[in-house]
Amino acid sequence: MKDVHEPVTGRVGRVLVVDDEAQVRKPISLILRREGYEIVEAEDGEQAIHKINAGDNPLMVDAILCDIRMPKINGTEAIAYFRSQYPGVPVIVMTGYPDVDLAVSLMKQGVRDYLVKPVSREELIAVVKKAVDAHEILSDQFTV
């Protein structure tokens, strides 16, 4: 018997990619789409928060890949929001400006991984797959 909760055929997860630089965001999105992920793009933290909250129901994502230095709502502020409102969704930081203190602080806040740009295709795919695989939607909501 087929499980009624199987994912959509061909889709391995939905990832929110947040980066203000189109020349970074677009290739990352393309790589992940080719791996079977559904991608939602946002140019900054403000747009990401708007997209995840648009409509009557929050957008369900399996992972969030977020830059740090962005206009309007920066990555640190957006990540704090995602961690408070969507604590079960894995967040991956991606930055061109590595900062050890910031990395430690973000990891303490529950960030799953910290990538430094440029990120290799292989590393990107591996980290996103690990995060999506770890995301369990409503895992504690039902008992068998």
Protein backbone atom coordinates (compact mmCIF):
# COMPACT_ATOMS: atom_id res chain seq x y z
CA MET A 1 0.00 0.00 0.00
CA LYS A 2 1.29 3.44 -0.94
CA ASP A 3 1.89 5.87 1.93
CA VAL A 4 -0.37 8.92 1.46
CA HIS A 5 2.33 11.19 2.90
CA GLU A 6 5.04 10.39 0.39
CA PRO A 7 6.75 13.48 -1.05
CA VAL A 8 5.80 14.75 -4.47
CA THR A 9 7.47 12.53 -7.05
CA GLY A 10 10.80 13.95 -8.14
CA ARG A 11 10.95 16.54 -5.35
CA VAL A 12 13.47 15.80 -2.62
CA GLY A 13 12.74 18.90 -0.56
CA ARG A 14 12.02 22.63 -0.64
CA VAL A 15 14.86 25.04 0.12
CA LEU A 16 14.62 28.78 0.75
CA VAL A 17 17.75 30.42 -0.73
CA VAL A 18 18.36 33.91 0.70
CA ASP A 19 21.16 36.01 -0.82
CA ASP A 20 21.18 39.61 -2.05
CA GLU A 21 23.63 38.83 -4.85
CA ALA A 22 21.84 37.34 -7.86
CA GLN A 23 25.19 36.08 -9.25
CA VAL A 24 25.43 33.88 -6.12
CA ARG A 25 21.75 33.05 -5.54
CA LYS A 26 20.92 32.00 -9.12
CA PRO A 27 23.73 29.43 -9.61
CA ILE A 28 23.08 27.92 -6.16
CA SER A 29 19.39 27.66 -6.96
CA LEU A 30 20.17 26.06 -10.33
CA ILE A 31 22.50 23.47 -8.77
CA LEU A 32 19.89 22.54 -6.16
CA ARG A 33 17.06 22.40 -8.74
CA ARG A 34 19.13 19.98 -10.81
CA GLU A 35 19.41 17.80 -7.71
CA GLY A 36 15.61 17.69 -7.47
CA TYR A 37 14.97 20.40 -4.87
CA GLU A 38 12.16 22.90 -5.18
CA ILE A 39 13.68 26.35 -4.67
CA VAL A 40 12.22 29.56 -3.29
CA GLU A 41 14.51 32.57 -3.74
CA ALA A 42 14.67 35.75 -1.67
CA GLU A 43 16.91 38.79 -2.17
CA ASP A 44 17.19 39.67 1.52
CA GLY A 45 15.92 38.76 4.97
CA GLU A 46 12.85 40.95 4.66
CA GLN A 47 11.77 39.25 1.43
CA ALA A 48 12.54 35.81 2.90
CA ILE A 49 10.37 36.46 5.96
CA HIS A 50 7.59 37.81 3.72
CA LYS A 51 7.75 34.74 1.43
CA ILE A 52 7.74 32.22 4.26
CA ASN A 53 4.72 33.95 5.84
CA ALA A 54 2.74 34.86 2.67
CA GLY A 55 -0.86 33.72 2.52
CA ASP A 56 -2.93 32.01 5.16
CA ASN A 57 -0.41 29.27 5.91
CA PRO A 58 3.35 29.53 6.33
CA LEU A 59 5.40 28.23 3.41
CA MET A 60 6.72 24.82 4.36
CA VAL A 61 10.43 24.57 3.66
CA ASP A 62 12.82 21.75 4.50
CA ALA A 63 15.91 23.96 4.85
CA ILE A 64 16.94 27.61 4.70
CA LEU A 65 20.23 28.64 3.09
CA CYS A 66 20.93 32.22 4.21
CA ASP A 67 23.63 34.83 3.55
CA ILE A 68 24.67 37.13 6.41
CA ARG A 69 25.47 40.51 4.85
CA MET A 70 22.32 41.78 3.13
CA PRO A 71 20.36 45.05 3.01
CA LYS A 72 17.13 45.68 4.94
CA ILE A 73 16.88 42.69 7.29
CA ASN A 74 20.36 41.10 7.41
CA GLY A 75 21.08 37.40 7.75
CA THR A 76 21.67 37.49 11.51
CA GLU A 77 18.27 39.11 12.09
CA ALA A 78 16.52 36.79 9.60
CA ILE A 79 18.13 33.71 11.16
CA ALA A 80 17.02 34.80 14.66
CA TYR A 81 13.48 35.11 13.28
CA PHE A 82 13.59 31.71 11.54
CA ARG A 83 14.97 30.01 14.66
CA SER A 84 12.23 31.52 16.86
CA GLN A 85 9.29 31.00 14.48
CA TYR A 86 10.37 27.80 12.69
CA PRO A 87 12.72 26.03 15.12
CA GLY A 88 12.41 22.68 13.35
CA VAL A 89 13.64 23.99 9.99
CA PRO A 90 17.41 23.59 9.56
CA VAL A 91 19.25 26.84 8.76
CA ILE A 92 22.53 26.87 6.84
CA VAL A 93 24.62 30.05 6.85
CA MET A 94 26.49 30.96 3.69
CA THR A 95 28.84 33.93 3.82
CA GLY A 96 31.71 35.51 1.95
CA TYR A 97 32.95 37.14 5.16
CA PRO A 98 33.90 34.39 7.62
CA ASP A 99 33.85 35.44 11.26
CA VAL A 100 34.70 32.83 13.90
CA ASP A 101 32.86 34.61 16.72
CA LEU A 102 29.75 35.01 14.58
CA ALA A 103 29.94 31.37 13.46
CA VAL A 104 30.13 30.19 17.09
CA SER A 105 27.25 32.47 18.07
CA LEU A 106 25.06 31.26 15.19
CA MET A 107 25.83 27.61 15.91
CA LYS A 108 24.78 28.19 19.54
CA GLN A 109 21.49 29.60 18.19
CA GLY A 110 20.89 26.33 16.35
CA VAL A 111 22.32 27.00 12.90
CA ARG A 112 23.05 23.62 11.35
CA ASP A 113 26.03 24.52 9.15
CA TYR A 114 28.28 27.46 8.25
CA LEU A 115 29.57 27.64 4.68
CA VAL A 116 32.15 30.10 3.36
CA LYS A 117 31.72 31.34 -0.22
CA PRO A 118 32.69 30.27 -2.73
CA VAL A 119 31.12 26.90 -1.90
CA SER A 120 31.90 23.89 -4.07
CA ARG A 121 28.98 22.20 -5.80
CA GLU A 122 29.71 18.95 -3.93
CA GLU A 123 29.84 20.61 -0.51
CA LEU A 124 26.65 22.57 -1.19
CA ILE A 125 24.74 19.45 -2.24
CA ALA A 126 26.05 17.39 0.70
CA VAL A 127 25.23 20.04 3.32
CA VAL A 128 21.75 20.74 1.94
CA LYS A 129 20.96 17.02 1.66
CA LYS A 130 22.04 16.46 5.26
CA ALA A 131 19.88 19.37 6.45
CA VAL A 132 16.81 18.34 4.44
CA ASP A 133 17.16 14.71 5.58
CA ALA A 134 17.30 15.90 9.20
CA HIS A 135 14.13 18.00 8.89
CA GLU A 136 11.21 16.13 10.32
CA ILE A 137 7.95 17.99 9.77
CA LEU A 138 5.73 17.76 12.82
CA SER A 139 7.86 14.90 14.16
CA ASP A 140 6.69 15.49 17.73
CA GLN A 141 3.03 16.19 16.89
CA PHE A 142 1.82 12.62 16.51
CA THR A 143 2.32 9.42 18.43
CA VAL A 144 1.82 5.93 17.08
